Amino acid sequence: MTREKAGTDTRGRILAAAVEMIGEDPGASLSVRAVAARAGVSTGSLRHFFPTQRELRDAVLACVYDGVVSDDWSQDPSVPARDRLVACLRQVLAPAGVGAQAREAWGKIYEAFIVPEQTEDVRAAYLAMDREGQRRVESWLAGLTREGALAPGDNTRRARFLMTVLNGLATERALPAEESILRSETETLYMAVDCVLADRG
C-alpha cells in the first residue's frame, strides 16, 4: 500500500468514526482523544489530517450533509427552479423525521445545545452545524443565480431566511398537529421559496 493510500484510509477512518459519534449524539464535542480512539489511530495521526478541532468538525459536517443532502436536484434545469429549490430544502428536513422520530431528534438537540451552559465547545459545535447548513443553501442559491432563475443579490441573507424557515418546520414536525404536517410544510416551503425567488436584491 502506498503512503498516499494509507493516508487516505486513515483520514477516512477518522471521518467515519466522527460521523458515527455525531449520529449517536448530535452535540458530541468530537474531542481529539475520543475520535482517535474510536477510529483506532493516534492523536498525532488525527492532528496530521485535522490540525484543529474546527477543521475536523467542519469536515465531518460536510460528510454528513453530503450523505444526506444531494445537489442533484439543484442542477437539473429541466425542473422549474421553484420546484428544485423546494426539493433541496425538503432533503434538509428529511433526516428529522416526523412525530416520535422528530421529537427524539429535537430532544437530543435540546440536551446538547440548550440545556448545558453555553461553553465555547457547545457554541462551536452548534455554529459548525449551522454554518454547514447555511453554506449548502447558499450554494443552491448561487447556482440559481448563475442560471438566471434568481436575481443577483445577497444570497447569505436569503439563505439565512430559508434556514430560519427550515428550523421552524423541523420544530413543528416534533409538535402535535391537527392536519397533515407534510401538506402544510409543502405550502410553507413554496411560500418561502417564492419570497426568495421574487427578491430583487
N, C-alpha and C. Protein backbone atom coordinates (compact mmCIF):
# COMPACT_ATOMS: atom_id res chain seq x y z
N MET A 1 0.85 -1.19 0.00
CA MET A 1 0.00 0.00 0.00
C MET A 1 0.89 1.25 0.00
N THR A 2 0.57 2.20 -0.84
CA THR A 2 1.38 3.42 -0.91
C THR A 2 1.10 4.29 0.31
N ARG A 3 2.04 5.17 0.58
CA ARG A 3 1.88 6.08 1.72
C ARG A 3 0.65 6.97 1.53
N GLU A 4 0.43 7.42 0.27
CA GLU A 4 -0.73 8.27 -0.02
C GLU A 4 -2.03 7.52 0.25
N LYS A 5 -2.10 6.24 -0.18
CA LYS A 5 -3.29 5.43 0.03
C LYS A 5 -3.53 5.20 1.52
N ALA A 6 -2.48 4.93 2.27
CA ALA A 6 -2.60 4.73 3.71
C ALA A 6 -3.14 5.99 4.37
N GLY A 7 -2.66 7.16 3.91
CA GLY A 7 -3.14 8.42 4.47
C GLY A 7 -4.61 8.63 4.21
N THR A 8 -5.05 8.30 2.99
CA THR A 8 -6.46 8.43 2.64
C THR A 8 -7.31 7.51 3.51
N ASP A 9 -6.85 6.28 3.72
CA ASP A 9 -7.59 5.33 4.56
C ASP A 9 -7.69 5.83 6.00
N THR A 10 -6.59 6.37 6.52
CA THR A 10 -6.59 6.89 7.89
C THR A 10 -7.55 8.07 8.02
N ARG A 11 -7.48 8.98 7.07
CA ARG A 11 -8.39 10.13 7.09
C ARG A 11 -9.84 9.66 7.02
N GLY A 12 -10.10 8.69 6.14
CA GLY A 12 -11.45 8.14 6.02
C GLY A 12 -11.94 7.48 7.30
N ARG A 13 -11.05 6.74 7.98
CA ARG A 13 -11.42 6.10 9.25
C ARG A 13 -11.74 7.15 10.31
N ILE A 14 -10.96 8.22 10.33
CA ILE A 14 -11.20 9.29 11.30
C ILE A 14 -12.56 9.92 11.04
N LEU A 15 -12.83 10.24 9.77
CA LEU A 15 -14.13 10.86 9.44
C LEU A 15 -15.29 9.92 9.73
N ALA A 16 -15.13 8.64 9.40
CA ALA A 16 -16.20 7.67 9.65
C ALA A 16 -16.48 7.56 11.15
N ALA A 17 -15.43 7.54 11.96
CA ALA A 17 -15.61 7.45 13.41
C ALA A 17 -16.33 8.70 13.94
N ALA A 18 -15.92 9.87 13.46
CA ALA A 18 -16.54 11.11 13.93
C ALA A 18 -17.99 11.22 13.47
N VAL A 19 -18.28 10.77 12.25
CA VAL A 19 -19.66 10.78 11.76
C VAL A 19 -20.53 9.87 12.62
N GLU A 20 -20.00 8.70 12.99
CA GLU A 20 -20.74 7.80 13.89
C GLU A 20 -21.04 8.49 15.21
N MET A 21 -20.05 9.18 15.75
CA MET A 21 -20.23 9.86 17.04
C MET A 21 -21.31 10.94 16.95
N ILE A 22 -21.31 11.70 15.85
CA ILE A 22 -22.34 12.74 15.66
C ILE A 22 -23.71 12.09 15.49
N GLY A 23 -23.77 10.95 14.80
CA GLY A 23 -25.03 10.24 14.63
C GLY A 23 -25.60 9.76 15.95
N GLU A 24 -24.73 9.35 16.87
CA GLU A 24 -25.17 8.88 18.18
C GLU A 24 -25.54 10.04 19.09
N ASP A 25 -24.83 11.16 18.94
CA ASP A 25 -25.05 12.32 19.80
C ASP A 25 -24.73 13.59 19.01
N PRO A 26 -25.77 14.30 18.51
CA PRO A 26 -25.52 15.49 17.69
C PRO A 26 -24.69 16.56 18.41
N GLY A 27 -24.65 16.51 19.73
CA GLY A 27 -23.89 17.50 20.47
C GLY A 27 -22.50 17.04 20.85
N ALA A 28 -22.07 15.90 20.31
CA ALA A 28 -20.75 15.35 20.66
C ALA A 28 -19.68 16.40 20.40
N SER A 29 -18.75 16.52 21.34
CA SER A 29 -17.72 17.55 21.21
C SER A 29 -16.62 17.18 20.23
N LEU A 30 -16.58 15.91 19.82
CA LEU A 30 -15.56 15.42 18.90
C LEU A 30 -14.16 15.75 19.41
N SER A 31 -13.89 15.37 20.65
CA SER A 31 -12.56 15.61 21.20
C SER A 31 -11.56 14.76 20.43
N VAL A 32 -10.34 15.25 20.33
CA VAL A 32 -9.29 14.56 19.59
C VAL A 32 -9.10 13.15 20.13
N ARG A 33 -9.03 13.01 21.44
CA ARG A 33 -8.82 11.69 22.06
C ARG A 33 -9.96 10.73 21.74
N ALA A 34 -11.20 11.21 21.89
CA ALA A 34 -12.35 10.33 21.68
C ALA A 34 -12.45 9.88 20.22
N VAL A 35 -12.25 10.80 19.29
CA VAL A 35 -12.35 10.44 17.87
C VAL A 35 -11.19 9.52 17.48
N ALA A 36 -9.99 9.84 17.95
CA ALA A 36 -8.83 8.99 17.64
C ALA A 36 -9.03 7.58 18.18
N ALA A 37 -9.54 7.47 19.40
CA ALA A 37 -9.78 6.15 19.99
C ALA A 37 -10.83 5.37 19.18
N ARG A 38 -11.91 6.04 18.80
CA ARG A 38 -12.96 5.38 18.02
C ARG A 38 -12.42 4.94 16.66
N ALA A 39 -11.55 5.75 16.05
CA ALA A 39 -11.00 5.43 14.73
C ALA A 39 -9.85 4.44 14.79
N GLY A 40 -9.30 4.26 16.00
CA GLY A 40 -8.15 3.35 16.14
C GLY A 40 -6.86 3.94 15.59
N VAL A 41 -6.72 5.27 15.75
CA VAL A 41 -5.50 5.94 15.30
C VAL A 41 -4.94 6.76 16.46
N SER A 42 -3.70 7.19 16.31
CA SER A 42 -3.10 8.03 17.35
C SER A 42 -3.64 9.45 17.24
N THR A 43 -3.53 10.19 18.35
CA THR A 43 -3.95 11.59 18.31
C THR A 43 -3.07 12.38 17.34
N GLY A 44 -1.79 11.98 17.21
CA GLY A 44 -0.89 12.63 16.27
C GLY A 44 -1.35 12.45 14.82
N SER A 45 -1.83 11.24 14.50
CA SER A 45 -2.36 11.00 13.16
C SER A 45 -3.57 11.86 12.89
N LEU A 46 -4.45 11.94 13.88
CA LEU A 46 -5.65 12.76 13.70
C LEU A 46 -5.25 14.22 13.47
N ARG A 47 -4.31 14.71 14.27
CA ARG A 47 -3.88 16.11 14.13
C ARG A 47 -3.19 16.36 12.80
N HIS A 48 -2.57 15.32 12.24
CA HIS A 48 -1.92 15.47 10.93
C HIS A 48 -2.97 15.84 9.87
N PHE A 49 -4.11 15.17 9.91
CA PHE A 49 -5.16 15.41 8.92
C PHE A 49 -6.06 16.58 9.29
N PHE A 50 -6.26 16.78 10.59
CA PHE A 50 -7.15 17.85 11.07
C PHE A 50 -6.45 18.60 12.20
N PRO A 51 -5.65 19.60 11.84
CA PRO A 51 -4.86 20.32 12.86
C PRO A 51 -5.68 21.00 13.95
N THR A 52 -6.92 21.37 13.64
CA THR A 52 -7.75 22.00 14.67
C THR A 52 -9.07 21.24 14.79
N GLN A 53 -9.71 21.42 15.93
CA GLN A 53 -11.00 20.77 16.16
C GLN A 53 -12.05 21.33 15.18
N ARG A 54 -11.94 22.59 14.86
CA ARG A 54 -12.89 23.19 13.92
C ARG A 54 -12.76 22.55 12.53
N GLU A 55 -11.52 22.30 12.07
CA GLU A 55 -11.34 21.65 10.78
C GLU A 55 -11.95 20.25 10.77
N LEU A 56 -11.78 19.54 11.88
CA LEU A 56 -12.38 18.20 11.99
C LEU A 56 -13.90 18.30 11.96
N ARG A 57 -14.46 19.19 12.77
CA ARG A 57 -15.91 19.34 12.85
C ARG A 57 -16.50 19.74 11.50
N ASP A 58 -15.85 20.69 10.82
CA ASP A 58 -16.35 21.14 9.52
C ASP A 58 -16.31 20.00 8.49
N ALA A 59 -15.24 19.22 8.50
CA ALA A 59 -15.13 18.09 7.55
C ALA A 59 -16.20 17.04 7.84
N VAL A 60 -16.45 16.80 9.11
CA VAL A 60 -17.46 15.81 9.50
C VAL A 60 -18.84 16.27 9.06
N LEU A 61 -19.16 17.52 9.32
CA LEU A 61 -20.48 18.02 8.94
C LEU A 61 -20.66 18.07 7.43
N ALA A 62 -19.59 18.35 6.70
CA ALA A 62 -19.68 18.30 5.23
C ALA A 62 -19.99 16.87 4.79
N CYS A 63 -19.37 15.88 5.44
CA CYS A 63 -19.66 14.46 5.12
C CYS A 63 -21.12 14.13 5.43
N VAL A 64 -21.60 14.60 6.57
CA VAL A 64 -22.98 14.33 6.97
C VAL A 64 -23.94 14.93 5.94
N TYR A 65 -23.73 16.19 5.59
CA TYR A 65 -24.61 16.84 4.62
C TYR A 65 -24.50 16.19 3.25
N ASP A 66 -23.29 15.83 2.84
CA ASP A 66 -23.12 15.17 1.54
C ASP A 66 -23.84 13.84 1.50
N GLY A 67 -23.89 13.15 2.64
CA GLY A 67 -24.55 11.86 2.70
C GLY A 67 -26.06 11.97 2.74
N VAL A 68 -26.55 13.08 3.24
CA VAL A 68 -27.99 13.24 3.44
C VAL A 68 -28.61 14.11 2.36
N VAL A 69 -27.91 15.14 1.93
CA VAL A 69 -28.48 16.13 1.02
C VAL A 69 -27.72 16.12 -0.30
N SER A 70 -28.42 15.80 -1.36
CA SER A 70 -27.81 15.73 -2.69
C SER A 70 -27.99 17.05 -3.42
N ASP A 71 -26.99 17.41 -4.20
CA ASP A 71 -27.10 18.61 -5.02
C ASP A 71 -27.69 18.32 -6.40
N ASP A 72 -28.03 17.05 -6.65
CA ASP A 72 -28.53 16.67 -7.97
C ASP A 72 -29.76 17.48 -8.38
N TRP A 73 -30.69 17.66 -7.45
CA TRP A 73 -31.92 18.40 -7.77
C TRP A 73 -31.63 19.82 -8.19
N SER A 74 -30.67 20.45 -7.52
CA SER A 74 -30.43 21.87 -7.78
C SER A 74 -29.84 22.11 -9.16
N GLN A 75 -29.31 21.06 -9.79
CA GLN A 75 -28.60 21.24 -11.05
C GLN A 75 -29.35 20.71 -12.27
N ASP A 76 -30.62 20.41 -12.13
CA ASP A 76 -31.40 19.87 -13.26
C ASP A 76 -32.32 20.95 -13.83
N PRO A 77 -31.85 21.66 -14.88
CA PRO A 77 -32.64 22.78 -15.41
C PRO A 77 -33.95 22.37 -16.09
N SER A 78 -34.17 21.06 -16.28
CA SER A 78 -35.45 20.63 -16.87
C SER A 78 -36.59 20.74 -15.85
N VAL A 79 -36.24 20.89 -14.57
CA VAL A 79 -37.24 21.05 -13.50
C VAL A 79 -37.28 22.54 -13.14
N PRO A 80 -38.47 23.15 -13.01
CA PRO A 80 -38.54 24.57 -12.66
C PRO A 80 -37.74 24.88 -11.39
N ALA A 81 -37.10 26.05 -11.38
CA ALA A 81 -36.25 26.45 -10.26
C ALA A 81 -37.01 26.39 -8.94
N ARG A 82 -38.24 26.80 -8.94
CA ARG A 82 -39.07 26.80 -7.72
C ARG A 82 -39.18 25.39 -7.14
N ASP A 83 -39.47 24.41 -7.99
CA ASP A 83 -39.62 23.03 -7.54
C ASP A 83 -38.28 22.44 -7.10
N ARG A 84 -37.21 22.81 -7.81
CA ARG A 84 -35.88 22.30 -7.44
C ARG A 84 -35.46 22.78 -6.06
N LEU A 85 -35.69 24.07 -5.80
CA LEU A 85 -35.28 24.61 -4.51
C LEU A 85 -36.10 24.00 -3.38
N VAL A 86 -37.39 23.82 -3.59
CA VAL A 86 -38.23 23.16 -2.57
C VAL A 86 -37.73 21.74 -2.32
N ALA A 87 -37.40 21.01 -3.39
CA ALA A 87 -36.91 19.63 -3.24
C ALA A 87 -35.61 19.59 -2.44
N CYS A 88 -34.71 20.54 -2.70
CA CYS A 88 -33.46 20.60 -1.96
C CYS A 88 -33.71 20.89 -0.48
N LEU A 89 -34.58 21.84 -0.20
CA LEU A 89 -34.89 22.19 1.19
C LEU A 89 -35.57 21.03 1.90
N ARG A 90 -36.41 20.31 1.19
CA ARG A 90 -37.09 19.16 1.80
C ARG A 90 -36.07 18.09 2.22
N GLN A 91 -35.00 17.95 1.46
CA GLN A 91 -33.95 16.99 1.83
C GLN A 91 -33.32 17.34 3.18
N VAL A 92 -33.20 18.63 3.46
CA VAL A 92 -32.62 19.05 4.73
C VAL A 92 -33.53 18.63 5.88
N LEU A 93 -34.84 18.68 5.65
CA LEU A 93 -35.80 18.31 6.69
C LEU A 93 -35.94 16.79 6.87
N ALA A 94 -35.69 16.04 5.82
CA ALA A 94 -35.96 14.59 5.84
C ALA A 94 -35.35 13.86 7.03
N PRO A 95 -34.07 14.09 7.38
CA PRO A 95 -33.49 13.31 8.47
C PRO A 95 -34.17 13.53 9.82
N ALA A 96 -34.85 14.66 9.99
CA ALA A 96 -35.51 14.94 11.28
C ALA A 96 -36.69 14.01 11.52
N GLY A 97 -37.24 13.44 10.43
CA GLY A 97 -38.40 12.57 10.58
C GLY A 97 -39.63 13.36 10.99
N VAL A 98 -40.67 12.62 11.39
CA VAL A 98 -41.93 13.24 11.82
C VAL A 98 -42.37 12.52 13.09
N GLY A 99 -43.10 13.22 13.94
CA GLY A 99 -43.66 12.60 15.14
C GLY A 99 -42.60 12.17 16.13
N ALA A 100 -42.63 10.89 16.53
CA ALA A 100 -41.72 10.38 17.56
C ALA A 100 -40.26 10.56 17.16
N GLN A 101 -39.96 10.30 15.88
CA GLN A 101 -38.57 10.45 15.42
C GLN A 101 -38.12 11.91 15.51
N ALA A 102 -39.00 12.83 15.14
CA ALA A 102 -38.67 14.26 15.23
C ALA A 102 -38.52 14.69 16.68
N ARG A 103 -39.39 14.16 17.57
CA ARG A 103 -39.27 14.51 18.99
C ARG A 103 -37.95 14.02 19.57
N GLU A 104 -37.54 12.82 19.17
CA GLU A 104 -36.26 12.28 19.65
C GLU A 104 -35.10 13.14 19.15
N ALA A 105 -35.15 13.52 17.88
CA ALA A 105 -34.08 14.35 17.31
C ALA A 105 -34.00 15.70 18.02
N TRP A 106 -35.17 16.34 18.24
CA TRP A 106 -35.17 17.63 18.92
C TRP A 106 -34.76 17.48 20.38
N GLY A 107 -35.11 16.35 21.01
CA GLY A 107 -34.68 16.10 22.38
C GLY A 107 -33.16 16.09 22.48
N LYS A 108 -32.51 15.44 21.51
CA LYS A 108 -31.04 15.38 21.51
C LYS A 108 -30.44 16.77 21.31
N ILE A 109 -31.04 17.54 20.39
CA ILE A 109 -30.53 18.89 20.15
C ILE A 109 -30.73 19.77 21.39
N TYR A 110 -31.89 19.63 22.03
CA TYR A 110 -32.17 20.40 23.25
C TYR A 110 -31.14 20.06 24.33
N GLU A 111 -30.90 18.78 24.53
CA GLU A 111 -29.95 18.33 25.57
C GLU A 111 -28.53 18.77 25.24
N ALA A 112 -28.19 18.79 23.96
CA ALA A 112 -26.82 19.12 23.56
C ALA A 112 -26.54 20.61 23.55
N PHE A 113 -27.52 21.42 23.14
CA PHE A 113 -27.21 22.83 22.89
C PHE A 113 -28.00 23.84 23.72
N ILE A 114 -29.12 23.45 24.31
CA ILE A 114 -29.92 24.41 25.05
C ILE A 114 -29.76 24.22 26.56
N VAL A 115 -29.79 22.99 27.03
CA VAL A 115 -29.69 22.71 28.47
C VAL A 115 -28.33 23.07 29.05
N PRO A 116 -27.22 22.66 28.41
CA PRO A 116 -25.93 22.92 29.05
C PRO A 116 -25.54 24.39 29.01
N GLU A 117 -24.60 24.72 29.86
CA GLU A 117 -24.04 26.06 29.85
C GLU A 117 -23.45 26.33 28.46
N GLN A 118 -23.57 27.54 27.98
CA GLN A 118 -23.09 27.87 26.64
C GLN A 118 -21.57 28.05 26.63
N THR A 119 -20.88 26.93 26.78
CA THR A 119 -19.41 26.96 26.75
C THR A 119 -18.96 27.18 25.31
N GLU A 120 -17.67 27.43 25.15
CA GLU A 120 -17.12 27.63 23.81
C GLU A 120 -17.28 26.37 22.97
N ASP A 121 -17.13 25.18 23.58
CA ASP A 121 -17.29 23.92 22.84
C ASP A 121 -18.73 23.74 22.36
N VAL A 122 -19.70 24.05 23.23
CA VAL A 122 -21.11 23.91 22.86
C VAL A 122 -21.43 24.88 21.72
N ARG A 123 -20.98 26.12 21.86
CA ARG A 123 -21.22 27.10 20.81
C ARG A 123 -20.57 26.69 19.49
N ALA A 124 -19.33 26.22 19.58
CA ALA A 124 -18.60 25.84 18.36
C ALA A 124 -19.30 24.67 17.66
N ALA A 125 -19.77 23.69 18.43
CA ALA A 125 -20.44 22.54 17.83
C ALA A 125 -21.72 22.97 17.12
N TYR A 126 -22.52 23.82 17.78
CA TYR A 126 -23.76 24.27 17.15
C TYR A 126 -23.48 25.13 15.92
N LEU A 127 -22.57 26.08 16.06
CA LEU A 127 -22.28 27.00 14.96
C LEU A 127 -21.70 26.28 13.75
N ALA A 128 -20.95 25.20 13.97
CA ALA A 128 -20.43 24.42 12.84
C ALA A 128 -21.58 23.79 12.07
N MET A 129 -22.56 23.23 12.78
CA MET A 129 -23.73 22.64 12.11
C MET A 129 -24.48 23.72 11.33
N ASP A 130 -24.70 24.84 11.96
CA ASP A 130 -25.43 25.93 11.33
C ASP A 130 -24.69 26.45 10.10
N ARG A 131 -23.38 26.60 10.22
CA ARG A 131 -22.56 27.11 9.13
C ARG A 131 -22.61 26.18 7.91
N GLU A 132 -22.56 24.88 8.14
CA GLU A 132 -22.59 23.94 7.02
C GLU A 132 -23.95 23.96 6.33
N GLY A 133 -25.04 24.04 7.10
CA GLY A 133 -26.37 24.16 6.50
C GLY A 133 -26.50 25.43 5.68
N GLN A 134 -26.03 26.52 6.23
CA GLN A 134 -26.07 27.81 5.54
C GLN A 134 -25.25 27.75 4.25
N ARG A 135 -24.08 27.15 4.33
CA ARG A 135 -23.21 27.05 3.14
C ARG A 135 -23.91 26.27 2.03
N ARG A 136 -24.57 25.18 2.40
CA ARG A 136 -25.23 24.34 1.40
C ARG A 136 -26.37 25.12 0.73
N VAL A 137 -27.20 25.81 1.51
CA VAL A 137 -28.32 26.56 0.94
C VAL A 137 -27.78 27.69 0.05
N GLU A 138 -26.73 28.38 0.50
CA GLU A 138 -26.14 29.44 -0.32
C GLU A 138 -25.63 28.89 -1.65
N SER A 139 -25.08 27.68 -1.64
CA SER A 139 -24.57 27.12 -2.91
C SER A 139 -25.72 26.85 -3.87
N TRP A 140 -26.87 26.39 -3.36
CA TRP A 140 -28.03 26.20 -4.24
C TRP A 140 -28.50 27.53 -4.82
N LEU A 141 -28.55 28.55 -3.98
CA LEU A 141 -28.98 29.87 -4.44
C LEU A 141 -28.00 30.44 -5.46
N ALA A 142 -26.71 30.23 -5.24
CA ALA A 142 -25.70 30.71 -6.19
C ALA A 142 -25.89 30.04 -7.55
N GLY A 143 -26.21 28.75 -7.54
CA GLY A 143 -26.46 28.04 -8.79
C GLY A 143 -27.65 28.62 -9.52
N LEU A 144 -28.72 28.91 -8.80
CA LEU A 144 -29.91 29.51 -9.42
C LEU A 144 -29.61 30.91 -9.94
N THR A 145 -28.74 31.65 -9.24
CA THR A 145 -28.35 32.98 -9.70
C THR A 145 -27.56 32.87 -11.00
N ARG A 146 -26.62 31.92 -11.05
CA ARG A 146 -25.80 31.74 -12.26
C ARG A 146 -26.65 31.41 -13.48
N GLU A 147 -27.70 30.64 -13.29
CA GLU A 147 -28.52 30.26 -14.45
C GLU A 147 -29.60 31.29 -14.76
N GLY A 148 -29.70 32.35 -13.94
CA GLY A 148 -30.65 33.42 -14.21
C GLY A 148 -32.03 33.21 -13.62
N ALA A 149 -32.22 32.15 -12.83
CA ALA A 149 -33.53 31.88 -12.21
C ALA A 149 -33.74 32.73 -10.97
N LEU A 150 -32.66 33.30 -10.44
CA LEU A 150 -32.71 34.13 -9.23
C LEU A 150 -31.90 35.39 -9.51
N ALA A 151 -32.49 36.55 -9.21
CA ALA A 151 -31.79 37.82 -9.45
C ALA A 151 -30.55 37.91 -8.56
N PRO A 152 -29.47 38.51 -9.06
CA PRO A 152 -28.30 38.70 -8.20
C PRO A 152 -28.71 39.48 -6.95
N GLY A 153 -28.12 39.11 -5.84
CA GLY A 153 -28.45 39.77 -4.58
C GLY A 153 -27.71 39.11 -3.43
N ASP A 154 -28.15 39.36 -2.25
CA ASP A 154 -27.50 38.88 -1.03
C ASP A 154 -27.96 37.46 -0.71
N ASN A 155 -27.25 36.48 -1.27
CA ASN A 155 -27.63 35.08 -1.04
C ASN A 155 -27.39 34.63 0.40
N THR A 156 -26.52 35.31 1.11
CA THR A 156 -26.31 34.99 2.53
C THR A 156 -27.58 35.31 3.31
N ARG A 157 -28.15 36.48 3.03
CA ARG A 157 -29.39 36.88 3.71
C ARG A 157 -30.54 35.96 3.31
N ARG A 158 -30.62 35.63 2.04
CA ARG A 158 -31.68 34.73 1.56
C ARG A 158 -31.55 33.35 2.20
N ALA A 159 -30.32 32.85 2.28
CA ALA A 159 -30.10 31.53 2.88
C ALA A 159 -30.45 31.55 4.37
N ARG A 160 -30.13 32.63 5.05
CA ARG A 160 -30.47 32.74 6.48
C ARG A 160 -31.99 32.68 6.66
N PHE A 161 -32.73 33.37 5.79
CA PHE A 161 -34.19 33.33 5.84
C PHE A 161 -34.69 31.90 5.65
N LEU A 162 -34.17 31.20 4.63
CA LEU A 162 -34.61 29.83 4.37
C LEU A 162 -34.22 28.90 5.52
N MET A 163 -33.05 29.11 6.11
CA MET A 163 -32.65 28.28 7.26
C MET A 163 -33.57 28.51 8.45
N THR A 164 -34.02 29.73 8.64
CA THR A 164 -34.96 30.03 9.73
C THR A 164 -36.28 29.31 9.50
N VAL A 165 -36.75 29.32 8.25
CA VAL A 165 -37.97 28.59 7.91
C VAL A 165 -37.78 27.10 8.17
N LEU A 166 -36.66 26.54 7.75
CA LEU A 166 -36.39 25.12 7.96
C LEU A 166 -36.34 24.77 9.44
N ASN A 167 -35.72 25.63 10.25
CA ASN A 167 -35.67 25.38 11.69
C ASN A 167 -37.08 25.35 12.29
N GLY A 168 -37.91 26.29 11.85
CA GLY A 168 -39.29 26.31 12.33
C GLY A 168 -40.07 25.07 11.91
N LEU A 169 -39.90 24.65 10.67
CA LEU A 169 -40.61 23.46 10.18
C LEU A 169 -40.12 22.20 10.89
N ALA A 170 -38.81 22.12 11.16
CA ALA A 170 -38.28 20.95 11.87
C ALA A 170 -38.85 20.88 13.28
N THR A 171 -38.99 22.03 13.93
CA THR A 171 -39.59 22.07 15.27
C THR A 171 -41.05 21.66 15.20
N GLU A 172 -41.75 22.18 14.20
CA GLU A 172 -43.17 21.86 14.02
C GLU A 172 -43.40 20.36 13.84
N ARG A 173 -42.45 19.68 13.18
CA ARG A 173 -42.58 18.24 12.98
C ARG A 173 -42.62 17.47 14.31
N ALA A 174 -42.03 18.03 15.34
CA ALA A 174 -41.98 17.35 16.64
C ALA A 174 -43.19 17.67 17.51
N LEU A 175 -43.99 18.64 17.11
CA LEU A 175 -45.13 19.08 17.92
C LEU A 175 -46.43 18.42 17.43
N PRO A 176 -47.43 18.33 18.31
CA PRO A 176 -48.73 17.78 17.87
C PRO A 176 -49.33 18.66 16.78
N ALA A 177 -50.05 18.03 15.84
CA ALA A 177 -50.64 18.78 14.74
C ALA A 177 -52.05 18.27 14.46
N GLU A 178 -52.94 19.19 14.04
CA GLU A 178 -54.32 18.81 13.72
C GLU A 178 -54.45 18.33 12.28
N GLU A 179 -53.58 18.82 11.40
CA GLU A 179 -53.69 18.45 9.99
C GLU A 179 -52.38 17.83 9.52
N SER A 180 -52.34 17.44 8.28
CA SER A 180 -51.15 16.82 7.72
C SER A 180 -49.97 17.79 7.76
N ILE A 181 -48.94 17.40 8.49
CA ILE A 181 -47.74 18.22 8.57
C ILE A 181 -47.13 18.39 7.18
N LEU A 182 -47.10 17.31 6.42
CA LEU A 182 -46.43 17.38 5.12
C LEU A 182 -47.14 18.32 4.16
N ARG A 183 -48.47 18.39 4.21
CA ARG A 183 -49.19 19.32 3.34
C ARG A 183 -48.90 20.77 3.74
N SER A 184 -49.03 21.06 5.03
CA SER A 184 -48.78 22.45 5.46
C SER A 184 -47.31 22.81 5.29
N GLU A 185 -46.42 21.83 5.46
CA GLU A 185 -45.00 22.07 5.28
C GLU A 185 -44.69 22.40 3.81
N THR A 186 -45.32 21.69 2.90
CA THR A 186 -45.11 21.95 1.48
C THR A 186 -45.58 23.36 1.12
N GLU A 187 -46.74 23.75 1.64
CA GLU A 187 -47.24 25.11 1.38
C GLU A 187 -46.27 26.16 1.91
N THR A 188 -45.73 25.92 3.12
CA THR A 188 -44.79 26.87 3.72
C THR A 188 -43.50 26.95 2.92
N LEU A 189 -42.98 25.79 2.49
CA LEU A 189 -41.75 25.78 1.71
C LEU A 189 -41.94 26.54 0.39
N TYR A 190 -43.06 26.32 -0.28
CA TYR A 190 -43.29 27.04 -1.54
C TYR A 190 -43.44 28.55 -1.29
N MET A 191 -44.09 28.92 -0.20
CA MET A 191 -44.23 30.35 0.11
C MET A 191 -42.86 30.98 0.36
N ALA A 192 -42.00 30.28 1.11
CA ALA A 192 -40.66 30.80 1.40
C ALA A 192 -39.83 30.90 0.13
N VAL A 193 -39.89 29.87 -0.71
CA VAL A 193 -39.12 29.86 -1.97
C VAL A 193 -39.63 30.96 -2.90
N ASP A 194 -40.94 31.15 -2.98
CA ASP A 194 -41.50 32.22 -3.81
C ASP A 194 -40.99 33.58 -3.34
N CYS A 195 -40.90 33.75 -2.04
CA CYS A 195 -40.40 35.00 -1.46
C CYS A 195 -38.95 35.25 -1.91
N VAL A 196 -38.14 34.20 -1.85
CA VAL A 196 -36.73 34.33 -2.23
C VAL A 196 -36.58 34.57 -3.73
N LEU A 197 -37.33 33.82 -4.54
CA LEU A 197 -37.22 33.98 -5.99
C LEU A 197 -37.72 35.34 -6.46
N ALA A 198 -38.64 35.95 -5.70
CA ALA A 198 -39.15 37.26 -6.07
C ALA A 198 -38.25 38.39 -5.58
N ASP A 199 -37.29 38.07 -4.71
CA ASP A 199 -36.40 39.08 -4.14
C ASP A 199 -35.48 39.62 -5.24
N ARG A 200 -35.46 40.91 -5.38
CA ARG A 200 -34.66 41.52 -6.43
C ARG A 200 -33.35 42.10 -5.90
N GLY A 201 -32.94 41.67 -4.74
CA GLY A 201 -31.64 42.13 -4.26
C GLY A 201 -31.70 42.54 -2.85
